[in-house]
């Protein structure tokens, strides 16, 4: 793809405050680029500079290799459209009146709209699914509908580039998906170049093919979502601890924020979690984020729970994938249970290879340790041993293990159980 927009060492300031500090990058034609970063990193200022609202104090913005600020305003508007963050319209125009306003760059000073202009407006409404709203007042449509109308107005300009400042702000999740799916469709099917500011990293990851991560007025890094959205990058830029997983449908990065309780700096009692295959990842993160010292086992090397435990620095007992739990890893698991104040059994499936995990939980009960079973699905649906696992599992209940159906209740159970054992 050819470069449509080139940014060369630009600096922007508000008075004496320098906001952008020498940014250099390029935007390829037909790309969907997301600009991300924490508050105050310069995202919106960058968009203002690209849309001729704020002229750089230094450097240049080149549109098709021509200096953007040397071009005629009308000519720029034929090539580039802007959808602002706030799209409220306080005048009682109809939807079609608002969309036809997008034709202004193509009209002379006293020229009225012609057949070509009305056809462009009609097509823009068709592409955005707003045709049925044509005769309604813009003040009488919903937030999601209004956003689509403003995008239709931008499309009526017939631009090559659309700039959007947080296009899904103030919208519920359904309208967020609707708007971003529309933009992605326009990007793919019409080769429309899209540059958008995002606060939501997961939305940016799912819809953008390129991301620019900003920090303190600089480009921290840029590339495809998998290259940019790493746990280390997010920690350095946002100061937040996260887990990164592949989205099961798109394969793009999916970010899980690890909660940091106000008490997290003060380590609480150790809790041992028996999990595997992803069933325990959320519990491990929840406990670590709320200040508990956590251990886990027996986990297969490389599975999701194993990755989560390693990221969180959790001590664990592990086994080679596809092998049954060995005596060595079983004994490591028991050792970790002996050192813990409580034990949690996650909602894992059981085959003959991991029955020793149930035996380990039984030993915890024999030591009078509090034991919690997270039972999101019945054991019969997770027993692949011909009933042996179900027998051992139900035996845990008979010995006094507490059963909860929801992971969110784990913290309350721990607080009650551990306070009673002190």
Protein backbone atom coordinates (compact mmCIF):
# COMPACT_ATOMS: atom_id res chain seq x y z
CA UNK A 1 0.00 0.00 0.00
CA UNK A 2 1.14 3.55 -0.74
CA UNK A 3 1.63 6.20 1.93
CA UNK A 4 -1.27 8.67 2.01
CA UNK A 5 -0.30 10.68 5.10
CA UNK A 6 3.22 11.33 6.32
CA UNK A 7 4.06 12.98 9.64
CA UNK A 8 7.57 14.37 9.87
CA UNK A 9 9.01 15.42 13.24
CA UNK A 10 5.99 17.47 14.31
CA UNK A 11 5.83 19.40 17.57
CA UNK A 12 2.66 21.03 18.92
CA UNK A 13 2.16 23.26 21.93
CA UNK A 14 -0.60 24.99 23.85
CA UNK A 15 1.09 28.20 24.88
CA UNK A 16 4.31 27.31 26.66
CA UNK A 17 3.23 23.68 27.18
CA UNK A 18 4.70 21.34 24.57
CA UNK A 19 2.24 18.46 23.96
CA UNK A 20 3.69 16.66 20.94
CA UNK A 21 7.45 16.17 20.92
CA UNK A 22 8.81 15.31 17.52
CA UNK A 23 6.46 12.65 16.09
CA UNK A 24 7.41 10.87 12.88
CA UNK A 25 5.36 8.12 11.24
CA UNK A 26 3.31 7.39 8.12
CA UNK A 27 -0.21 6.17 7.37
CA UNK A 28 -0.75 3.80 4.48
CA UNK A 29 -3.68 4.19 2.11
CA UNK A 30 -6.56 1.84 2.99
CA UNK A 31 -5.34 1.17 6.54
CA UNK A 32 -7.36 1.32 9.77
CA UNK A 33 -5.09 2.97 12.32
CA UNK A 34 -5.90 3.39 16.00
CA UNK A 35 -4.22 6.01 18.18
CA UNK A 36 -4.06 4.83 21.81
CA UNK A 37 -2.44 5.98 25.03
CA UNK A 38 -3.31 7.27 28.50
CA UNK A 39 -4.96 10.60 29.21
CA UNK A 40 -2.61 13.47 28.45
CA UNK A 41 -0.43 11.45 26.08
CA UNK A 42 -1.32 13.69 23.11
CA UNK A 43 -3.81 11.54 21.19
CA UNK A 44 -6.46 14.22 20.56
CA UNK A 45 -3.80 16.86 19.95
CA UNK A 46 -2.29 14.65 17.25
CA UNK A 47 -5.70 14.29 15.62
CA UNK A 48 -6.15 18.09 15.71
CA UNK A 49 -2.82 18.50 13.99
CA UNK A 50 -3.77 16.00 11.29
CA UNK A 51 -7.11 17.78 10.71
CA UNK A 52 -5.66 21.31 10.37
CA UNK A 53 -7.09 22.50 13.68
CA UNK A 54 -3.70 22.92 15.36
CA UNK A 55 -0.74 23.79 13.16
CA UNK A 56 2.53 22.21 14.28
CA UNK A 57 5.12 24.59 15.65
CA UNK A 58 7.71 22.42 13.95
CA UNK A 59 7.72 19.69 11.33
CA UNK A 60 5.22 18.89 8.60
CA UNK A 61 2.09 16.88 7.89
CA UNK A 62 2.12 15.69 4.27
CA UNK A 63 -1.06 14.62 2.47
CA UNK A 64 -0.08 12.76 -0.69
CA UNK A 65 3.39 14.32 -0.25
CA UNK A 66 2.01 17.89 -0.14
CA UNK A 67 2.15 20.02 3.00
CA UNK A 68 -1.34 19.84 4.51
CA UNK A 69 -1.18 23.41 5.77
CA UNK A 70 -0.25 24.82 2.35
CA UNK A 71 -3.29 23.28 0.64
CA UNK A 72 -6.61 25.02 0.07
CA UNK A 73 -9.13 24.23 2.83
CA UNK A 74 -11.78 23.15 0.34
CA UNK A 75 -9.38 20.81 -1.44
CA UNK A 76 -8.35 19.23 1.87
CA UNK A 77 -12.02 18.70 2.79
CA UNK A 78 -12.53 16.75 -0.46
CA UNK A 79 -9.82 14.33 0.63
CA UNK A 80 -10.22 14.26 4.40
CA UNK A 81 -13.29 14.24 6.68
CA UNK A 82 -13.42 14.61 10.46
CA UNK A 83 -15.90 13.05 12.92
CA UNK A 84 -15.49 14.87 16.26
CA UNK A 85 -15.91 13.34 19.70
CA UNK A 86 -19.01 15.41 20.45
CA UNK A 87 -21.62 14.99 17.72
CA UNK A 88 -24.60 16.75 19.32
CA UNK A 89 -26.60 18.88 16.87
CA UNK A 90 -28.73 21.54 18.53
CA UNK A 91 -30.65 22.71 15.49
CA UNK A 92 -33.73 20.98 14.12
CA UNK A 93 -32.30 19.85 10.80
CA UNK A 94 -33.55 16.66 9.21
CA UNK A 95 -31.09 13.80 8.85
CA UNK A 96 -30.88 14.28 5.08
CA UNK A 97 -30.14 18.01 5.61
CA UNK A 98 -27.26 17.12 7.90
CA UNK A 99 -25.84 14.56 5.46
CA UNK A 100 -26.08 16.91 2.46
CA UNK A 101 -23.96 19.41 4.41
CA UNK A 102 -21.09 17.07 3.68
CA UNK A 103 -21.23 18.20 0.05
CA UNK A 104 -20.13 21.76 0.92
CA UNK A 105 -16.50 21.26 -0.24
CA UNK A 106 -17.79 20.32 -3.70
CA UNK A 107 -20.02 23.39 -4.12
CA UNK A 108 -19.18 26.89 -5.24
CA UNK A 109 -19.77 29.89 -3.01
CA UNK A 110 -23.40 30.42 -4.05
CA UNK A 111 -23.97 27.06 -5.71
CA UNK A 112 -26.93 24.86 -4.74
CA UNK A 113 -26.80 21.09 -4.48
CA UNK A 114 -27.36 19.23 -7.71
CA UNK A 115 -28.21 15.69 -8.77
CA UNK A 116 -24.67 14.45 -8.12
CA UNK A 117 -24.71 15.86 -4.60
CA UNK A 118 -28.05 14.31 -3.66
CA UNK A 119 -26.89 10.98 -5.09
CA UNK A 120 -23.69 11.16 -2.99
CA UNK A 121 -25.77 11.90 0.12
CA UNK A 122 -28.17 9.04 -0.69
CA UNK A 123 -25.28 6.61 -1.13
CA UNK A 124 -23.70 7.77 2.14
CA UNK A 125 -26.98 7.12 3.98
CA UNK A 126 -27.29 3.74 2.30
CA UNK A 127 -23.77 2.76 3.36
CA UNK A 128 -24.43 3.81 6.96
CA UNK A 129 -27.96 2.36 7.18
CA UNK A 130 -29.52 5.76 7.85
CA UNK A 131 -31.76 6.08 4.80
CA UNK A 132 -34.89 5.30 6.80
CA UNK A 133 -34.07 8.25 9.07
CA UNK A 134 -33.83 10.77 6.22
CA UNK A 135 -36.92 12.80 7.15
CA UNK A 136 -36.52 12.59 10.92
CA UNK A 137 -35.10 15.45 12.92
CA UNK A 138 -31.49 14.91 13.97
CA UNK A 139 -32.51 15.92 17.50
CA UNK A 140 -34.98 13.03 17.63
CA UNK A 141 -32.65 10.10 16.86
CA UNK A 142 -30.69 7.98 19.33
CA UNK A 143 -27.00 8.43 20.12
CA UNK A 144 -25.97 5.50 17.94
CA UNK A 145 -28.16 6.69 15.06
CA UNK A 146 -26.78 10.23 15.35
CA UNK A 147 -23.21 8.90 15.20
CA UNK A 148 -24.04 7.01 12.01
CA UNK A 149 -25.60 10.16 10.54
CA UNK A 150 -22.44 12.18 11.27
CA UNK A 151 -20.37 9.43 9.63
CA UNK A 152 -22.75 9.58 6.63
CA UNK A 153 -22.14 13.35 6.44
CA UNK A 154 -18.40 12.66 6.42
CA UNK A 155 -18.82 10.04 3.67
CA UNK A 156 -20.84 12.50 1.59
CA UNK A 157 -17.62 14.51 1.27
CA UNK A 158 -16.27 11.50 -0.69
CA UNK A 159 -12.99 11.62 1.25
CA UNK A 160 -10.05 9.26 1.07
CA UNK A 161 -9.39 9.62 4.81
CA UNK A 162 -11.71 9.86 7.82
CA UNK A 163 -10.39 11.05 11.18
CA UNK A 164 -12.44 10.11 14.25
CA UNK A 165 -11.93 11.22 17.86
CA UNK A 166 -13.21 8.42 20.12
CA UNK A 167 -16.02 7.35 17.76
CA UNK A 168 -17.71 5.12 20.37
CA UNK A 169 -17.60 7.42 23.41
CA UNK A 170 -20.97 7.77 25.20
CA UNK A 171 -22.37 4.75 23.30
CA UNK A 172 -23.51 1.47 24.85
CA UNK A 173 -21.70 -1.72 23.88
CA UNK A 174 -24.21 -2.66 21.16
CA UNK A 175 -23.84 0.71 19.42
CA UNK A 176 -20.06 0.58 19.85
CA UNK A 177 -19.91 -2.69 17.91
CA UNK A 178 -22.37 -1.33 15.34
CA UNK A 179 -20.32 1.81 14.63
CA UNK A 180 -16.95 0.05 14.53
CA UNK A 181 -18.29 -2.74 12.32
CA UNK A 182 -19.59 -0.07 9.94
CA UNK A 183 -16.20 1.65 9.87
CA UNK A 184 -14.39 -1.65 9.32
CA UNK A 185 -16.74 -2.46 6.44
CA UNK A 186 -16.11 0.94 4.82
CA UNK A 187 -12.39 0.44 5.31
CA UNK A 188 -12.36 -2.97 3.63
CA UNK A 189 -14.96 -2.52 0.92
CA UNK A 190 -14.35 1.11 -0.03
CA UNK A 191 -10.61 1.26 0.68
CA UNK A 192 -11.30 4.15 3.05
CA UNK A 193 -8.33 5.13 5.21
CA UNK A 194 -9.43 5.46 8.84
CA UNK A 195 -7.52 7.07 11.70
CA UNK A 196 -9.28 6.96 15.06
CA UNK A 197 -8.48 7.77 18.67
CA UNK A 198 -9.41 4.97 21.09
CA UNK A 199 -9.57 4.71 24.87
CA UNK A 200 -10.75 1.09 24.84
CA UNK A 201 -7.73 -1.09 24.02
CA UNK A 202 -9.81 -4.20 23.32
CA UNK A 203 -11.94 -2.39 20.73
CA UNK A 204 -8.80 -0.94 19.14
CA UNK A 205 -7.24 -4.41 18.99
CA UNK A 206 -10.26 -6.02 17.36
CA UNK A 207 -10.91 -3.42 14.65
CA UNK A 208 -7.58 -1.77 13.79
CA UNK A 209 -4.89 -3.30 11.63
CA UNK A 210 -2.29 -0.86 12.96
CA UNK A 211 -1.88 0.89 16.31
CA UNK A 212 0.12 3.92 17.44
CA UNK A 213 0.78 3.82 21.19
CA UNK A 214 1.58 7.25 22.64
CA UNK A 215 3.21 8.29 25.89
CA UNK A 216 3.98 11.84 27.03
CA UNK A 217 3.67 13.36 23.57
CA UNK A 218 5.83 10.74 21.86
CA UNK A 219 5.18 7.61 19.83
CA UNK A 220 6.13 4.87 22.29
CA UNK A 221 5.71 2.15 19.67
CA UNK A 222 3.62 1.32 16.63
CA UNK A 223 2.76 -1.75 14.61
CA UNK A 224 0.04 -4.37 14.36
CA UNK A 225 -2.06 -4.99 17.50
CA UNK A 226 -0.09 -8.07 18.56
CA UNK A 227 3.18 -6.15 18.40
CA UNK A 228 1.90 -3.10 20.29
CA UNK A 229 -0.42 -4.59 22.89
CA UNK A 230 2.01 -6.54 25.04
CA UNK A 231 1.86 -6.75 28.82
CA UNK A 232 5.23 -5.02 29.07
CA UNK A 233 4.22 -2.10 26.80
CA UNK A 234 0.98 -1.56 28.69
CA UNK A 235 2.79 -1.69 32.01
CA UNK A 236 5.34 0.90 30.85
CA UNK A 237 2.79 3.27 29.29
CA UNK A 238 -0.29 2.88 31.49
CA UNK A 239 1.33 1.57 34.68
CA UNK A 240 -1.24 -1.24 34.71
CA UNK A 241 -0.72 -4.98 35.08
CA UNK A 242 -2.63 -6.97 32.47
CA UNK A 243 -2.89 -10.41 30.97
CA UNK A 244 -2.88 -10.71 27.17
CA UNK A 245 -4.83 -13.51 25.54
CA UNK A 246 -5.73 -14.26 21.93
CA UNK A 247 -9.37 -13.52 21.17
CA UNK A 248 -10.97 -16.93 20.49
CA UNK A 249 -12.71 -15.67 17.32
CA UNK A 250 -10.46 -13.00 15.78
CA UNK A 251 -7.09 -14.14 17.10
CA UNK A 252 -6.28 -10.54 18.03
CA UNK A 253 -4.95 -9.62 21.48
CA UNK A 254 -7.52 -9.45 24.27
CA UNK A 255 -6.55 -7.49 27.38
CA UNK A 256 -7.55 -8.57 30.89
CA UNK A 257 -6.93 -5.94 33.56
CA UNK A 258 -5.67 -7.29 36.87
CA UNK A 259 -7.44 -5.51 39.71
CA UNK A 260 -5.20 -3.88 42.28
CA UNK A 261 -6.88 -3.81 45.68
CA UNK A 262 -5.89 -1.01 48.02
CA UNK A 263 -4.55 -3.69 50.34
CA UNK A 264 -2.55 -5.44 47.63
CA UNK A 265 0.77 -4.20 48.95
CA UNK A 266 0.14 -6.11 52.19
CA UNK A 267 0.31 -9.83 51.46
CA UNK A 268 -2.47 -11.91 52.93
CA UNK A 269 -2.58 -15.65 53.62
CA UNK A 270 -1.49 -18.11 50.96
CA UNK A 271 -4.23 -19.80 48.96
CA UNK A 272 -3.57 -22.85 46.79
CA UNK A 273 -5.61 -23.16 43.60
CA UNK A 274 -5.99 -26.46 41.80
CA UNK A 275 -6.87 -25.64 38.23
CA UNK A 276 -5.81 -26.11 34.60
CA UNK A 277 -6.76 -25.42 31.01
CA UNK A 278 -7.90 -21.85 31.69
CA UNK A 279 -10.44 -22.69 34.39
CA UNK A 280 -8.37 -20.96 37.04
CA UNK A 281 -6.92 -17.91 35.25
CA UNK A 282 -9.59 -15.50 36.49
CA UNK A 283 -9.34 -16.83 40.06
CA UNK A 284 -5.54 -16.57 40.07
CA UNK A 285 -5.73 -12.96 38.88
CA UNK A 286 -8.50 -12.11 41.34
CA UNK A 287 -6.60 -13.48 44.34
CA UNK A 288 -3.24 -11.97 43.36
CA UNK A 289 -4.89 -8.62 42.65
CA UNK A 290 -6.43 -8.58 46.13
CA UNK A 291 -3.19 -9.21 47.95
CA UNK A 292 -3.29 -12.97 48.56
CA UNK A 293 -0.15 -15.03 48.18
CA UNK A 294 -1.13 -17.68 45.66
CA UNK A 295 0.20 -21.07 44.58
CA UNK A 296 -1.25 -23.45 41.98
CA UNK A 297 -1.04 -27.01 40.67
CA UNK A 298 -0.83 -29.37 39.00
CA UNK A 299 -0.70 -27.40 35.75
CA UNK A 300 0.33 -28.58 32.29
CA UNK A 301 3.27 -26.53 31.02
CA UNK A 302 2.12 -23.98 28.44
CA UNK A 303 -1.63 -23.96 29.12
CA UNK A 304 -3.51 -20.75 29.93
CA UNK A 305 -3.48 -21.23 33.71
CA UNK A 306 0.26 -22.03 33.58
CA UNK A 307 0.91 -18.83 31.57
CA UNK A 308 -1.21 -16.80 33.99
CA UNK A 309 0.59 -18.23 37.02
CA UNK A 310 4.00 -17.49 35.52
CA UNK A 311 3.01 -13.94 34.59
CA UNK A 312 1.81 -13.32 38.15
CA UNK A 313 4.92 -14.89 39.68
CA UNK A 314 2.87 -17.65 41.32
CA UNK A 315 4.66 -20.72 42.69
CA UNK A 316 3.31 -23.83 41.02
CA UNK A 317 3.55 -27.56 40.53
CA UNK A 318 3.67 -28.44 36.84
CA UNK A 319 3.61 -31.43 34.55
CA UNK A 320 4.59 -32.07 30.94
CA UNK A 321 1.55 -31.70 28.64
CA UNK A 322 -0.39 -34.87 27.78
CA UNK A 323 1.28 -36.90 30.52
CA UNK A 324 -0.54 -38.05 33.67
CA UNK A 325 0.37 -36.34 36.93
CA UNK A 326 3.61 -37.94 38.13
CA UNK A 327 4.50 -38.72 41.73
CA UNK A 328 7.02 -35.89 41.59
CA UNK A 329 4.50 -33.20 40.57
CA UNK A 330 1.86 -34.72 42.87
CA UNK A 331 4.22 -34.40 45.83
CA UNK A 332 5.06 -30.81 44.84
CA UNK A 333 1.34 -30.08 44.75
CA UNK A 334 0.85 -31.57 48.23
CA UNK A 335 3.80 -29.54 49.54
CA UNK A 336 2.21 -26.32 48.28
CA UNK A 337 -1.13 -27.31 49.84
CA UNK A 338 0.61 -27.96 53.17
CA UNK A 339 2.03 -24.42 53.07
CA UNK A 340 -1.32 -22.82 52.20
CA UNK A 341 -4.04 -21.61 54.55
CA UNK A 342 -6.84 -22.63 52.18
CA UNK A 343 -7.40 -24.60 49.00
CA UNK A 344 -9.64 -23.86 46.00
CA UNK A 345 -10.65 -26.40 43.35
CA UNK A 346 -11.52 -24.74 40.04
CA UNK A 347 -14.17 -25.95 37.60
CA UNK A 348 -11.82 -28.28 35.71
CA UNK A 349 -12.58 -31.46 33.74
CA UNK A 350 -11.16 -34.75 35.00
CA UNK A 351 -9.56 -37.59 33.10
CA UNK A 352 -7.50 -40.45 34.45
CA UNK A 353 -4.38 -38.33 34.08
CA UNK A 354 -5.33 -35.69 36.66
CA UNK A 355 -7.26 -37.69 39.30
CA UNK A 356 -4.36 -37.05 41.67
CA UNK A 357 -5.55 -33.45 41.91
CA UNK A 358 -8.71 -34.69 43.63
CA UNK A 359 -6.60 -36.83 45.95
CA UNK A 360 -4.57 -33.73 46.85
CA UNK A 361 -7.73 -31.79 47.74
CA UNK A 362 -8.82 -34.68 49.94
CA UNK A 363 -5.54 -34.40 51.85
CA UNK A 364 -6.21 -30.69 52.42
CA UNK A 365 -9.56 -31.59 54.02
CA UNK A 366 -7.88 -34.19 56.21
CA UNK A 367 -5.64 -31.38 57.51
CA UNK A 368 -8.79 -29.37 58.36
CA UNK A 369 -7.92 -26.70 55.81
CA UNK A 370 -10.83 -24.67 54.36
CA UNK A 371 -11.60 -26.05 50.91
CA UNK A 372 -13.76 -24.36 48.28
CA UNK A 373 -15.08 -26.05 45.15
CA UNK A 374 -16.06 -23.72 42.31
CA UNK A 375 -18.79 -25.69 40.59
CA UNK A 376 -19.93 -23.79 37.51
CA UNK A 377 -20.97 -27.03 35.78
CA UNK A 378 -21.98 -30.35 37.32
CA UNK A 379 -19.21 -32.88 37.82
CA UNK A 380 -21.00 -35.42 35.62
CA UNK A 381 -20.41 -33.12 32.62
CA UNK A 382 -16.69 -32.96 33.44
CA UNK A 383 -16.02 -36.57 34.40
CA UNK A 384 -14.24 -38.55 31.69
CA UNK A 385 -13.17 -41.41 33.93
CA UNK A 386 -16.32 -43.53 33.93
CA UNK A 387 -17.49 -42.19 37.28
CA UNK A 388 -14.32 -42.47 39.34
CA UNK A 389 -13.75 -38.70 39.35
CA UNK A 390 -17.36 -38.03 40.34
CA UNK A 391 -17.01 -40.44 43.26
CA UNK A 392 -13.86 -38.73 44.55
CA UNK A 393 -15.36 -35.28 43.89
CA UNK A 394 -18.57 -35.98 45.78
CA UNK A 395 -16.48 -37.42 48.58
CA UNK A 396 -14.89 -33.98 49.00
CA UNK A 397 -18.34 -32.49 49.59
CA UNK A 398 -19.11 -35.15 52.19
CA UNK A 399 -15.87 -34.28 54.00
CA UNK A 400 -16.92 -30.64 54.30
CA UNK A 401 -15.77 -28.82 51.16
CA UNK A 402 -17.86 -25.71 50.47
CA UNK A 403 -19.42 -25.39 47.00
CA UNK A 404 -19.95 -22.08 45.20
CA UNK A 405 -21.39 -21.60 41.75
CA UNK A 406 -19.82 -18.18 41.03
CA UNK A 407 -16.13 -17.20 41.12
CA UNK A 408 -17.00 -13.68 42.25
CA UNK A 409 -17.95 -15.02 45.69
CA UNK A 410 -14.48 -16.45 46.32
CA UNK A 411 -13.20 -13.36 48.15
CA UNK A 412 -16.12 -13.32 50.59
CA UNK A 413 -15.65 -17.03 51.30
CA UNK A 414 -11.92 -16.58 51.92
CA UNK A 415 -12.45 -13.67 54.28
CA UNK A 416 -14.99 -15.64 56.33
CA UNK A 417 -13.06 -18.92 56.28
CA UNK A 418 -9.66 -17.53 57.16
CA UNK A 419 -10.97 -15.23 59.90
CA UNK A 420 -12.60 -18.26 61.52
CA UNK A 421 -9.34 -20.21 61.54
CA UNK A 422 -7.33 -17.48 63.30
